[in-house]
Amino acid sequence: MNRRAALIAPATAVVATVGGGLWLSCQGRETGKAAAASGRLQLGQPPAPHAVFVSLDRRDGGRKARRNDLKPVLESLDELQVGGLEARIGLGASLLGQHGTTLRHLRSMPAHAGDVLDPHQCHGDVLLQIAGPTAGAVRTAARQVLSRAHGWRVRWRIEGAQAAGETVDGRALARNPFHFTEGFGNPDSQHAANERALVRPEQGQPKWAVGGTYQVVRIIRMATELWDADPVETQEQIIGRRRDGRWLDGTPAGERANFASDPKGKLTPLDSHVRLAAPNRRTPPPILRRSYSYVRDDGDRGMIFSCFQRDLAEGFEAVQRRLEGEAMAKYLLTTGGGYFFVPPPGDAWIERALHP
């Protein structure tokens, strides 16, 4: 069986158990207060080690989701400010479309090259993410929120964790299921994170959306057994870094590699992941990554890829186009996820986004 078949065969048996998430202002009691006071999302903090992602749809799909339908959910998220929990919410294109509200970049996530998307594992009217110090804590919190989500049904759901998560020089790092440390391309400060992720007034978006952010969630199945069968040296050529993050030309992990001095890819292959994703290290992609690894009982394991940006076209979609044909593609299969919009802190956006 080839690599692609190995990924597709088990993936087609998986139904409705994946998800993604979006930031809200209740990221722990003190952080939530600071966000509300400043009127800005706080995206620069290191993510909590465990998370559950839940996508919800209105039960009555033929009726507009009323503003009051969201209030119990938002109140429940606010109550999770104790115990170090984070609570996030995002809006899907289907929800906003019911009210005639449009955002320039928000739509249902299309299938990109190589994707095999399960419609039961994609999209959603509302997307929730709850994160905290333990898996048990986030499961209990999710049950609390869902118990008050009357009129909503779960569309898909998944749990994730960050392996060996740490913060180095202001950047949140974690080890992915391929045993490589990632996150070196993330911004190193709250200000830099805001610059990449938050919608600006001059972008031509509705006023209520300014200070919010677009999030992409991709549920990526990873052929870990096949990957592990390859020598580490081969894996590093495919990724374009050493497992610990150092560049193949010897440049330290936290510094910029000079691809211009390696035009033919003798040191860092031209089709390596990092070289395609960010060919000019002086101008990194304008995204903020916040991903988790997942493992399921049927042997399915992979990554809940998640990134925030102020512009989908310049952020995720530009990177994804460059990655077409990358050497790592044969080890990956995206089966679900979606595009969502994280509103700014507070509840002023409800009246403007969800018209009567």
Protein backbone atom coordinates (compact mmCIF):
# COMPACT_ATOMS: atom_id res chain seq x y z
CA MET A 1 0.00 0.00 0.00
CA ASN A 2 1.40 3.40 -0.93
CA ARG A 3 1.58 6.33 1.46
CA ARG A 4 -1.53 8.06 0.11
CA ALA A 5 -3.62 4.88 0.33
CA ALA A 6 -2.40 4.28 3.87
CA LEU A 7 -3.75 7.67 4.87
CA ILE A 8 -7.05 7.55 2.97
CA ALA A 9 -8.17 4.04 3.93
CA PRO A 10 -8.49 4.59 7.69
CA ALA A 11 -9.48 8.22 7.34
CA THR A 12 -12.66 7.37 5.46
CA ALA A 13 -13.85 5.37 8.46
CA VAL A 14 -13.63 8.36 10.79
CA VAL A 15 -16.90 10.26 11.22
CA ALA A 16 -17.72 13.55 12.94
CA THR A 17 -15.06 13.75 15.64
CA VAL A 18 -12.80 16.63 14.73
CA GLY A 19 -12.70 20.35 15.35
CA GLY A 20 -10.99 23.74 15.72
CA GLY A 21 -11.20 26.86 17.80
CA LEU A 22 -11.22 30.62 18.16
CA TRP A 23 -10.04 33.17 20.73
CA LEU A 24 -12.41 35.11 22.96
CA SER A 25 -11.56 37.49 25.80
CA CYS A 26 -11.99 34.96 28.61
CA GLN A 27 -8.48 33.52 28.48
CA GLY A 28 -8.11 33.08 32.22
CA ARG A 29 -9.49 35.59 34.75
CA GLU A 30 -6.72 38.19 34.64
CA THR A 31 -5.99 37.85 30.93
CA GLY A 32 -9.71 38.10 30.13
CA LYS A 33 -10.06 41.30 32.15
CA ALA A 34 -7.06 42.81 30.41
CA ALA A 35 -8.46 41.93 26.99
CA ALA A 36 -11.83 43.44 27.79
CA ALA A 37 -10.23 46.57 29.16
CA SER A 38 -7.98 47.05 26.17
CA GLY A 39 -10.62 46.05 23.64
CA ARG A 40 -8.10 43.77 21.93
CA LEU A 41 -7.77 40.04 21.58
CA GLN A 42 -4.77 38.64 23.46
CA LEU A 43 -3.14 36.25 20.98
CA GLY A 44 0.46 36.35 22.15
CA GLN A 45 0.20 34.12 25.24
CA PRO A 46 1.49 30.52 25.06
CA PRO A 47 -1.41 28.12 24.46
CA ALA A 48 -2.63 25.81 27.22
CA PRO A 49 -1.38 22.20 26.88
CA HIS A 50 -4.79 20.55 26.36
CA ALA A 51 -7.76 21.62 24.27
CA VAL A 52 -11.12 20.44 23.02
CA PHE A 53 -12.58 21.81 19.80
CA VAL A 54 -16.33 21.72 19.15
CA SER A 55 -18.25 22.90 16.09
CA LEU A 56 -21.95 23.62 16.55
CA ASP A 57 -24.87 24.05 14.16
CA ARG A 58 -28.33 25.38 14.86
CA ARG A 59 -30.79 22.49 15.31
CA ASP A 60 -33.41 24.27 13.24
CA GLY A 61 -31.35 24.99 10.14
CA GLY A 62 -34.30 26.66 8.44
CA ARG A 63 -34.61 29.47 11.00
CA LYS A 64 -32.25 32.34 11.64
CA ALA A 65 -30.07 31.88 14.68
CA ARG A 66 -31.22 34.61 17.07
CA ARG A 67 -28.93 36.71 19.15
CA ASN A 68 -30.48 35.20 22.26
CA ASP A 69 -29.46 31.74 21.08
CA LEU A 70 -25.80 32.64 21.60
CA LYS A 71 -26.13 34.31 24.99
CA PRO A 72 -26.13 31.13 27.15
CA VAL A 73 -23.09 29.85 25.26
CA LEU A 74 -21.20 33.11 25.71
CA GLU A 75 -22.15 33.28 29.38
CA SER A 76 -20.86 29.74 29.91
CA LEU A 77 -17.57 30.63 28.27
CA ASP A 78 -17.26 33.66 30.54
CA GLU A 79 -17.71 31.40 33.56
CA LEU A 80 -14.65 29.37 32.56
CA GLN A 81 -12.32 32.15 33.66
CA VAL A 82 -11.41 30.20 36.77
CA GLY A 83 -8.88 27.38 37.03
CA GLY A 84 -6.62 28.66 34.26
CA LEU A 85 -9.01 27.71 31.48
CA GLU A 86 -9.20 29.51 28.14
CA ALA A 87 -12.43 29.90 26.19
CA ARG A 88 -12.71 30.83 22.53
CA ILE A 89 -15.56 31.28 20.05
CA GLY A 90 -15.71 31.80 16.33
CA LEU A 91 -18.37 32.52 13.75
CA GLY A 92 -18.87 30.49 10.61
CA ALA A 93 -19.90 31.82 7.23
CA SER A 94 -23.17 29.87 7.47
CA LEU A 95 -24.18 31.71 10.66
CA LEU A 96 -23.38 35.19 9.40
CA GLY A 97 -24.89 34.46 6.00
CA GLN A 98 -28.29 33.82 7.61
CA HIS A 99 -28.29 37.48 8.68
CA GLY A 100 -26.98 38.97 5.47
CA THR A 101 -23.67 39.77 7.16
CA THR A 102 -20.58 39.39 5.01
CA LEU A 103 -16.87 39.54 5.71
CA ARG A 104 -14.40 39.93 2.86
CA HIS A 105 -12.60 36.63 3.38
CA LEU A 106 -15.04 34.45 5.30
CA ARG A 107 -16.52 31.52 3.41
CA SER A 108 -16.70 27.75 3.70
CA MET A 109 -13.21 26.31 3.58
CA PRO A 110 -12.54 24.95 0.07
CA ALA A 111 -10.67 21.73 -0.63
CA HIS A 112 -7.04 22.51 -1.32
CA ALA A 113 -4.70 20.34 -3.39
CA GLY A 114 -4.51 16.84 -1.91
CA ASP A 115 -7.38 17.27 0.57
CA VAL A 116 -10.04 14.59 1.07
CA LEU A 117 -12.58 16.53 3.09
CA ASP A 118 -15.37 14.78 4.97
CA PRO A 119 -18.34 17.19 5.00
CA HIS A 120 -19.30 15.88 8.46
CA GLN A 121 -15.92 17.05 9.77
CA CYS A 122 -15.93 20.52 8.21
CA HIS A 123 -17.39 23.99 8.77
CA GLY A 124 -20.10 24.88 11.33
CA ASP A 125 -22.24 27.82 12.44
CA VAL A 126 -20.23 28.34 15.63
CA LEU A 127 -16.83 27.02 16.63
CA LEU A 128 -15.76 26.67 20.27
CA GLN A 129 -12.38 25.90 21.79
CA ILE A 130 -11.73 25.30 25.47
CA ALA A 131 -8.16 24.85 26.64
CA GLY A 132 -6.58 24.19 30.00
CA PRO A 133 -3.93 22.37 32.01
CA THR A 134 -5.43 18.86 31.80
CA ALA A 135 -7.61 16.85 29.42
CA GLY A 136 -10.09 16.18 32.23
CA ALA A 137 -10.50 19.88 32.96
CA VAL A 138 -11.33 20.79 29.40
CA ARG A 139 -13.75 17.87 28.98
CA THR A 140 -15.64 18.90 32.10
CA ALA A 141 -15.74 22.50 30.90
CA ALA A 142 -17.01 21.43 27.48
CA ARG A 143 -19.84 19.48 29.08
CA GLN A 144 -20.74 22.57 31.10
CA VAL A 145 -20.95 24.76 28.00
CA LEU A 146 -22.83 22.21 25.89
CA SER A 147 -25.39 21.64 28.65
CA ARG A 148 -26.51 25.24 28.15
CA ALA A 149 -26.28 25.24 24.34
CA HIS A 150 -29.98 24.66 23.83
CA GLY A 151 -30.99 24.77 20.20
CA TRP A 152 -27.50 23.77 19.04
CA ARG A 153 -26.12 20.39 17.99
CA VAL A 154 -22.52 19.18 17.76
CA ARG A 155 -21.34 19.00 14.18
CA TRP A 156 -17.83 17.72 14.95
CA ARG A 157 -15.40 17.56 17.83
CA ILE A 158 -11.81 16.60 18.63
CA GLU A 159 -9.38 16.78 21.54
CA GLY A 160 -5.75 17.80 21.18
CA ALA A 161 -2.61 18.24 23.25
CA GLN A 162 0.72 19.97 22.86
CA ALA A 163 3.74 17.71 23.29
CA ALA A 164 6.76 19.22 25.05
CA GLY A 165 5.29 22.71 24.79
CA GLU A 166 7.59 25.54 25.87
CA THR A 167 8.27 29.20 25.23
CA VAL A 168 11.69 30.17 23.88
CA ASP A 169 12.61 33.80 23.15
CA GLY A 170 8.93 34.72 23.33
CA ARG A 171 7.81 32.06 20.85
CA ALA A 172 5.47 29.20 21.75
CA LEU A 173 7.04 25.92 20.58
CA ALA A 174 5.76 22.34 20.56
CA ARG A 175 6.78 18.97 19.13
CA ASN A 176 4.55 17.62 16.36
CA PRO A 177 3.70 13.93 15.67
CA PHE A 178 6.67 13.75 13.25
CA HIS A 179 8.98 14.49 16.25
CA PHE A 180 9.98 17.96 15.01
CA THR A 181 9.82 21.12 17.11
CA GLU A 182 7.74 23.81 15.43
CA GLY A 183 6.64 27.36 16.13
CA PHE A 184 9.94 29.14 15.40
CA GLY A 185 8.15 31.26 12.79
CA ASN A 186 5.69 32.64 15.34
CA PRO A 187 5.95 36.28 16.47
CA ASP A 188 7.93 36.84 19.67
CA SER A 189 5.70 39.44 21.37
CA GLN A 190 2.08 40.43 21.90
CA HIS A 191 2.54 43.47 19.66
CA ALA A 192 3.99 41.38 16.83
CA ALA A 193 1.16 38.85 17.21
CA ASN A 194 -1.43 41.62 16.97
CA GLU A 195 0.23 43.01 13.86
CA ARG A 196 -0.09 39.68 12.09
CA ALA A 197 -3.49 38.62 13.31
CA LEU A 198 -5.88 41.46 14.11
CA VAL A 199 -8.14 43.07 11.50
CA ARG A 200 -7.35 46.77 10.95
CA PRO A 201 -9.73 49.67 10.20
CA GLU A 202 -8.18 50.32 6.78
CA GLN A 203 -8.93 46.79 5.54
CA GLY A 204 -12.47 47.65 4.47
CA GLN A 205 -14.13 45.25 6.90
CA PRO A 206 -17.31 46.05 8.86
CA LYS A 207 -16.58 48.23 11.87
CA TRP A 208 -17.68 45.51 14.29
CA ALA A 209 -15.02 43.17 12.91
CA VAL A 210 -12.05 45.49 13.54
CA GLY A 211 -9.87 43.95 16.24
CA GLY A 212 -11.10 40.45 15.44
CA THR A 213 -9.18 37.80 13.51
CA TYR A 214 -9.66 35.07 10.92
CA GLN A 215 -8.84 31.53 11.97
CA VAL A 216 -8.12 28.53 9.80
CA VAL A 217 -8.45 25.05 11.27
CA ARG A 218 -7.13 22.03 9.39
CA ILE A 219 -7.46 18.47 10.69
CA ILE A 220 -4.43 16.75 9.19
CA ARG A 221 -3.97 13.00 9.39
CA MET A 222 -0.25 12.12 9.48
CA ALA A 223 1.27 8.82 8.30
CA THR A 224 3.50 8.50 11.34
CA GLU A 225 4.50 4.84 10.86
CA LEU A 226 5.58 5.45 7.27
CA TRP A 227 7.36 8.63 8.30
CA ASP A 228 9.21 6.85 11.10
CA ALA A 229 10.42 4.25 8.61
CA ASP A 230 12.49 6.93 6.85
CA PRO A 231 15.95 7.86 8.17
CA VAL A 232 16.09 11.01 10.29
CA GLU A 233 18.38 12.59 7.68
CA THR A 234 15.67 12.12 5.03
CA GLN A 235 13.03 13.58 7.32
CA GLU A 236 15.18 16.65 7.93
CA GLN A 237 15.61 17.20 4.20
CA ILE A 238 11.82 17.03 3.77
CA ILE A 239 11.14 19.49 6.60
CA GLY A 240 14.15 21.76 5.96
CA ARG A 241 15.24 21.86 9.62
CA ARG A 242 16.82 19.56 12.18
CA ARG A 243 14.45 17.97 14.65
CA ASP A 244 15.40 20.54 17.28
CA GLY A 245 14.72 23.42 14.90
CA ARG A 246 18.25 24.24 13.74
CA TRP A 247 18.56 25.08 10.06
CA LEU A 248 20.28 22.65 7.70
CA ASP A 249 22.95 25.24 6.90
CA GLY A 250 23.88 25.44 10.58
CA THR A 251 21.99 28.64 11.40
CA PRO A 252 20.56 28.54 14.97
CA ALA A 253 16.85 27.79 15.25
CA GLY A 254 15.84 31.27 16.38
CA GLU A 255 17.69 33.09 13.59
CA ARG A 256 16.89 33.53 9.89
CA ALA A 257 18.37 31.14 7.36
CA ASN A 258 19.87 32.68 4.23
CA PHE A 259 18.21 30.80 1.39
CA ALA A 260 19.66 33.28 -1.11
CA SER A 261 23.09 31.76 -0.53
CA ASP A 262 21.72 28.31 -1.42
CA PRO A 263 19.86 29.02 -4.71
CA LYS A 264 19.95 25.42 -5.97
CA GLY A 265 18.86 23.85 -2.69
CA LYS A 266 22.04 21.90 -2.00
CA LEU A 267 21.71 22.48 1.74
CA THR A 268 17.98 23.12 2.11
CA PRO A 269 16.01 21.40 -0.69
CA LEU A 270 13.85 23.69 -2.80
CA ASP A 271 10.77 21.52 -2.11
CA SER A 272 11.30 21.33 1.66
CA HIS A 273 8.41 22.44 3.83
CA VAL A 274 10.00 25.48 5.45
CA ARG A 275 11.53 26.77 2.22
CA LEU A 276 8.23 26.69 0.37
CA ALA A 277 6.20 28.03 3.28
CA ALA A 278 8.47 31.03 3.88
CA PRO A 279 10.94 31.47 1.01
CA ASN A 280 12.00 34.90 2.28
CA ARG A 281 12.90 34.58 5.94
CA ARG A 282 13.02 38.37 6.31
CA THR A 283 9.28 38.60 5.63
CA PRO A 284 7.65 35.61 7.36
CA PRO A 285 4.04 34.70 6.52
CA PRO A 286 1.60 37.02 8.37
CA ILE A 287 0.05 34.26 10.48
CA LEU A 288 0.13 33.13 14.10
CA ARG A 289 0.15 29.35 14.57
CA ARG A 290 -1.55 27.63 17.50
CA SER A 291 -1.70 23.91 16.69
CA TYR A 292 -2.31 20.74 18.68
CA SER A 293 -1.56 17.06 18.13
CA TYR A 294 -4.34 14.49 18.31
CA VAL A 295 -4.53 10.69 18.73
CA ARG A 296 -7.66 8.57 18.28
CA ASP A 297 -8.41 4.98 19.23
CA ASP A 298 -8.55 3.73 15.63
CA GLY A 299 -4.88 4.54 15.06
CA ASP A 300 -5.62 7.89 13.46
CA ARG A 301 -3.16 10.50 14.65
CA GLY A 302 -2.10 13.86 13.36
CA MET A 303 -2.35 17.59 13.88
CA ILE A 304 -5.10 20.10 14.50
CA PHE A 305 -3.43 22.88 12.54
CA SER A 306 -4.71 26.26 13.63
CA CYS A 307 -3.61 29.72 12.58
CA PHE A 308 -4.83 33.29 13.02
CA GLN A 309 -4.44 36.14 10.53
CA ARG A 310 -5.96 39.49 9.62
CA ASP A 311 -6.12 38.56 5.92
CA LEU A 312 -6.81 35.01 4.72
CA ALA A 313 -5.54 35.65 1.21
CA GLU A 314 -2.19 37.04 2.36
CA GLY A 315 -1.91 34.59 5.25
CA PHE A 316 -2.88 30.93 5.13
CA GLU A 317 -4.03 30.77 1.52
CA ALA A 318 -0.80 32.26 0.16
CA VAL A 319 1.25 29.75 2.17
CA GLN A 320 -0.96 26.83 1.12
CA ARG A 321 -0.53 27.64 -2.56
CA ARG A 322 3.25 27.67 -2.16
CA LEU A 323 3.15 24.27 -0.41
CA GLU A 324 1.53 22.51 -3.36
CA GLY A 325 3.96 19.84 -4.50
CA GLU A 326 6.05 19.86 -1.31
CA ALA A 327 7.98 16.69 -0.49
CA MET A 328 6.00 16.16 2.72
CA ALA A 329 2.62 16.04 0.97
CA LYS A 330 2.66 12.25 0.58
CA TYR A 331 2.69 11.83 4.36
CA LEU A 332 -0.30 14.13 5.01
CA LEU A 333 -4.05 14.05 4.42
CA THR A 334 -6.38 16.87 5.43
CA THR A 335 -9.85 15.54 6.25
CA GLY A 336 -11.64 18.40 8.00
CA GLY A 337 -11.63 21.84 9.56
CA GLY A 338 -12.91 25.20 8.40
CA TYR A 339 -12.63 28.97 8.14
CA PHE A 340 -14.01 31.05 11.01
CA PHE A 341 -13.96 34.60 12.31
CA VAL A 342 -13.07 35.43 15.91
CA PRO A 343 -14.95 38.57 16.99
CA PRO A 344 -13.26 41.25 19.11
CA PRO A 345 -13.68 41.13 22.92
CA GLY A 346 -16.99 42.11 24.49
CA ASP A 347 -20.46 41.61 23.06
CA ALA A 348 -21.00 44.78 20.99
CA TRP A 349 -20.44 42.73 17.83
CA ILE A 350 -23.57 40.63 18.45
CA GLU A 351 -26.01 43.45 17.72
CA ARG A 352 -24.16 44.43 14.55
CA ALA A 353 -23.29 41.00 13.15
CA LEU A 354 -26.54 39.18 13.92
CA HIS A 355 -29.27 41.40 12.58
CA PRO A 356 -32.86 40.74 13.73
